[in-house]
């Protein structure tokens, strides 16, 4: 019984975290959001390298890094 309760609590917590992430990403531009999703594997569980993301967007690794840094800075400054 305790095991089932723990699994349920973990499931609820995971859903809440996913909801908060989605809510947080809403403050970003579409491009910033896509870059973070790809870099951290949000959604598909497969984190991509700067090079891989750069190839997807046809931009340099450095530009991907800049977009990622700006997006993370926005998230840090945001009050939720």
N, C-alpha and C. Protein backbone atom coordinates (compact mmCIF):
# COMPACT_ATOMS: atom_id res chain seq x y z
N UNK A 1 0.83 -1.20 0.00
CA UNK A 1 0.00 0.00 0.00
C UNK A 1 0.87 1.26 0.00
N UNK A 2 1.90 1.27 0.86
CA UNK A 2 2.79 2.44 0.92
C UNK A 2 3.51 2.64 -0.40
N UNK A 3 3.86 1.53 -1.06
CA UNK A 3 4.55 1.62 -2.35
C UNK A 3 3.65 2.28 -3.40
N UNK A 4 2.39 1.92 -3.40
CA UNK A 4 1.44 2.52 -4.34
C UNK A 4 1.26 4.01 -4.09
N UNK A 5 1.20 4.39 -2.80
CA UNK A 5 1.08 5.80 -2.45
C UNK A 5 2.30 6.58 -2.91
N UNK A 6 3.48 5.98 -2.73
CA UNK A 6 4.72 6.62 -3.14
C UNK A 6 4.74 6.81 -4.65
N UNK A 7 4.34 5.78 -5.39
CA UNK A 7 4.31 5.88 -6.85
C UNK A 7 3.34 6.96 -7.30
N UNK A 8 2.20 7.04 -6.64
CA UNK A 8 1.20 8.05 -6.97
C UNK A 8 1.75 9.45 -6.68
N UNK A 9 2.42 9.60 -5.54
CA UNK A 9 3.00 10.89 -5.19
C UNK A 9 4.07 11.30 -6.20
N UNK A 10 4.90 10.35 -6.61
CA UNK A 10 5.94 10.63 -7.59
C UNK A 10 5.32 11.05 -8.92
N UNK A 11 4.27 10.35 -9.31
CA UNK A 11 3.58 10.67 -10.56
C UNK A 11 2.98 12.08 -10.51
N UNK A 12 2.36 12.43 -9.39
CA UNK A 12 1.78 13.76 -9.22
C UNK A 12 2.86 14.83 -9.24
N UNK A 13 3.97 14.55 -8.55
CA UNK A 13 5.08 15.50 -8.50
C UNK A 13 5.67 15.72 -9.88
N UNK A 14 5.84 14.64 -10.63
CA UNK A 14 6.38 14.73 -11.98
C UNK A 14 5.46 15.58 -12.87
N UNK A 15 4.16 15.36 -12.76
CA UNK A 15 3.19 16.13 -13.55
C UNK A 15 3.25 17.61 -13.17
N UNK A 16 3.39 17.90 -11.90
CA UNK A 16 3.48 19.29 -11.43
C UNK A 16 4.75 19.96 -11.96
N UNK A 17 5.85 19.24 -11.93
CA UNK A 17 7.12 19.78 -12.45
C UNK A 17 7.00 20.06 -13.94
N UNK A 18 6.42 19.13 -14.67
CA UNK A 18 6.24 19.32 -16.12
C UNK A 18 5.34 20.52 -16.40
N UNK A 19 4.30 20.70 -15.61
CA UNK A 19 3.41 21.85 -15.77
C UNK A 19 4.16 23.16 -15.52
N UNK A 20 4.97 23.17 -14.46
CA UNK A 20 5.75 24.38 -14.13
C UNK A 20 6.75 24.70 -15.23
N UNK A 21 7.38 23.68 -15.79
CA UNK A 21 8.34 23.90 -16.87
C UNK A 21 7.63 24.51 -18.07
N UNK A 22 6.48 23.95 -18.44
CA UNK A 22 5.71 24.47 -19.57
C UNK A 22 5.32 25.93 -19.32
N UNK A 23 4.87 26.21 -18.12
CA UNK A 23 4.48 27.56 -17.75
C UNK A 23 5.68 28.51 -17.85
N UNK A 24 6.81 28.07 -17.35
CA UNK A 24 8.02 28.89 -17.36
C UNK A 24 8.49 29.18 -18.77
N UNK A 25 8.43 28.19 -19.65
CA UNK A 25 8.89 28.37 -21.02
C UNK A 25 8.02 29.36 -21.78
N UNK A 26 6.85 29.64 -21.27
CA UNK A 26 5.94 30.57 -21.92
C UNK A 26 6.45 32.01 -21.98
N UNK A 27 7.44 32.35 -21.15
CA UNK A 27 7.98 33.71 -21.17
C UNK A 27 9.04 33.90 -22.25
N UNK A 28 9.44 32.82 -22.90
CA UNK A 28 10.51 32.87 -23.90
C UNK A 28 9.95 33.06 -25.30
N UNK A 29 10.82 33.51 -26.20
CA UNK A 29 10.43 33.55 -27.60
C UNK A 29 10.33 32.12 -28.10
N UNK A 30 9.69 31.94 -29.23
CA UNK A 30 9.54 30.61 -29.80
C UNK A 30 10.91 29.96 -30.04
N UNK A 31 11.83 30.74 -30.57
CA UNK A 31 13.17 30.21 -30.86
C UNK A 31 13.91 29.82 -29.58
N UNK A 32 13.85 30.67 -28.56
CA UNK A 32 14.50 30.37 -27.28
C UNK A 32 13.92 29.09 -26.68
N UNK A 33 12.62 28.97 -26.73
CA UNK A 33 11.96 27.78 -26.20
C UNK A 33 12.42 26.52 -26.94
N UNK A 34 12.44 26.58 -28.26
CA UNK A 34 12.85 25.43 -29.05
C UNK A 34 14.30 25.04 -28.76
N UNK A 35 15.16 26.05 -28.63
CA UNK A 35 16.57 25.78 -28.33
C UNK A 35 16.70 25.06 -26.99
N UNK A 36 16.02 25.56 -25.96
CA UNK A 36 16.10 24.92 -24.65
C UNK A 36 15.52 23.51 -24.68
N UNK A 37 14.40 23.34 -25.36
CA UNK A 37 13.80 22.01 -25.46
C UNK A 37 14.78 21.02 -26.08
N UNK A 38 15.44 21.45 -27.14
CA UNK A 38 16.40 20.57 -27.82
C UNK A 38 17.64 20.34 -26.96
N UNK A 39 18.19 21.41 -26.39
CA UNK A 39 19.42 21.29 -25.60
C UNK A 39 19.24 20.39 -24.37
N UNK A 40 18.09 20.49 -23.71
CA UNK A 40 17.87 19.74 -22.48
C UNK A 40 17.01 18.50 -22.67
N UNK A 41 16.60 18.23 -23.90
CA UNK A 41 15.82 17.03 -24.17
C UNK A 41 14.42 17.08 -23.59
N UNK A 42 13.87 18.28 -23.46
CA UNK A 42 12.52 18.40 -22.91
C UNK A 42 11.52 17.90 -23.94
N UNK A 43 10.73 16.96 -23.54
CA UNK A 43 9.73 16.40 -24.45
C UNK A 43 10.11 15.02 -24.95
N UNK A 44 11.28 14.93 -25.58
CA UNK A 44 11.66 13.63 -26.14
C UNK A 44 12.74 12.91 -25.33
N UNK A 45 13.30 13.58 -24.32
CA UNK A 45 14.30 12.95 -23.47
C UNK A 45 15.68 12.79 -24.10
N UNK A 46 15.90 13.45 -25.25
CA UNK A 46 17.18 13.33 -25.94
C UNK A 46 17.84 14.71 -26.00
N UNK A 47 18.76 15.00 -25.07
CA UNK A 47 19.45 16.29 -25.12
C UNK A 47 20.37 16.37 -26.34
N UNK A 48 20.38 17.53 -26.99
CA UNK A 48 21.21 17.73 -28.19
C UNK A 48 22.41 18.60 -27.85
N UNK A 49 23.47 18.44 -28.61
CA UNK A 49 24.66 19.26 -28.45
C UNK A 49 24.44 20.62 -29.11
N UNK A 50 25.34 21.55 -28.82
CA UNK A 50 25.28 22.85 -29.49
C UNK A 50 25.36 22.67 -31.00
N UNK A 51 26.23 21.77 -31.42
CA UNK A 51 26.41 21.50 -32.85
C UNK A 51 25.12 20.98 -33.48
N UNK A 52 24.48 20.02 -32.82
CA UNK A 52 23.24 19.45 -33.35
C UNK A 52 22.13 20.50 -33.46
N UNK A 53 22.00 21.31 -32.43
CA UNK A 53 20.97 22.35 -32.46
C UNK A 53 21.30 23.38 -33.54
N UNK A 54 22.57 23.71 -33.66
CA UNK A 54 22.99 24.64 -34.70
C UNK A 54 22.64 24.14 -36.09
N UNK A 55 22.82 22.85 -36.31
CA UNK A 55 22.49 22.27 -37.62
C UNK A 55 20.98 22.34 -37.88
N UNK A 56 20.19 22.10 -36.86
CA UNK A 56 18.73 22.16 -37.00
C UNK A 56 18.28 23.57 -37.40
N UNK A 57 18.87 24.58 -36.76
CA UNK A 57 18.48 25.97 -37.01
C UNK A 57 19.33 26.66 -38.08
N UNK A 58 20.34 25.93 -38.56
CA UNK A 58 21.27 26.49 -39.55
C UNK A 58 21.98 27.73 -39.01
N UNK A 59 22.46 27.61 -37.76
CA UNK A 59 23.22 28.68 -37.11
C UNK A 59 24.46 28.06 -36.46
N UNK A 60 25.39 28.89 -36.02
CA UNK A 60 26.62 28.38 -35.42
C UNK A 60 26.38 27.89 -33.99
N UNK A 61 27.32 27.08 -33.50
CA UNK A 61 27.27 26.62 -32.11
C UNK A 61 27.27 27.82 -31.17
N UNK A 62 28.09 28.81 -31.50
CA UNK A 62 28.18 30.00 -30.66
C UNK A 62 26.84 30.73 -30.57
N UNK A 63 26.14 30.82 -31.67
CA UNK A 63 24.83 31.49 -31.67
C UNK A 63 23.84 30.69 -30.83
N UNK A 64 23.90 29.37 -30.91
CA UNK A 64 23.03 28.53 -30.08
C UNK A 64 23.34 28.79 -28.61
N UNK A 65 24.64 28.85 -28.28
CA UNK A 65 25.04 29.10 -26.90
C UNK A 65 24.50 30.44 -26.42
N UNK A 66 24.57 31.46 -27.27
CA UNK A 66 24.07 32.79 -26.91
C UNK A 66 22.56 32.77 -26.68
N UNK A 67 21.83 32.11 -27.55
CA UNK A 67 20.37 32.02 -27.40
C UNK A 67 20.02 31.28 -26.12
N UNK A 68 20.73 30.18 -25.87
CA UNK A 68 20.50 29.40 -24.64
C UNK A 68 20.77 30.25 -23.40
N UNK A 69 21.90 30.96 -23.40
CA UNK A 69 22.26 31.79 -22.25
C UNK A 69 21.22 32.88 -22.00
N UNK A 70 20.76 33.52 -23.07
CA UNK A 70 19.74 34.57 -22.94
C UNK A 70 18.44 34.00 -22.38
N UNK A 71 18.04 32.84 -22.87
CA UNK A 71 16.81 32.21 -22.40
C UNK A 71 16.91 31.83 -20.92
N UNK A 72 18.04 31.26 -20.53
CA UNK A 72 18.22 30.88 -19.13
C UNK A 72 18.24 32.11 -18.23
N UNK A 73 18.85 33.19 -18.72
CA UNK A 73 18.87 34.44 -17.96
C UNK A 73 17.45 34.96 -17.76
N UNK A 74 16.64 34.91 -18.81
CA UNK A 74 15.23 35.33 -18.70
C UNK A 74 14.50 34.51 -17.65
N UNK A 75 14.72 33.20 -17.67
CA UNK A 75 14.03 32.32 -16.72
C UNK A 75 14.46 32.61 -15.28
N UNK A 76 15.75 32.91 -15.09
CA UNK A 76 16.24 33.21 -13.75
C UNK A 76 15.63 34.51 -13.21
N UNK A 77 15.44 35.47 -14.09
CA UNK A 77 14.92 36.78 -13.66
C UNK A 77 13.41 36.80 -13.50
N UNK A 78 12.75 35.82 -14.06
CA UNK A 78 11.29 35.76 -14.02
C UNK A 78 10.80 35.37 -12.63
N UNK A 79 9.73 36.02 -12.21
CA UNK A 79 9.14 35.68 -10.90
C UNK A 79 7.85 34.92 -11.15
N UNK A 80 7.82 33.70 -10.69
CA UNK A 80 6.66 32.84 -10.91
C UNK A 80 5.87 32.70 -9.64
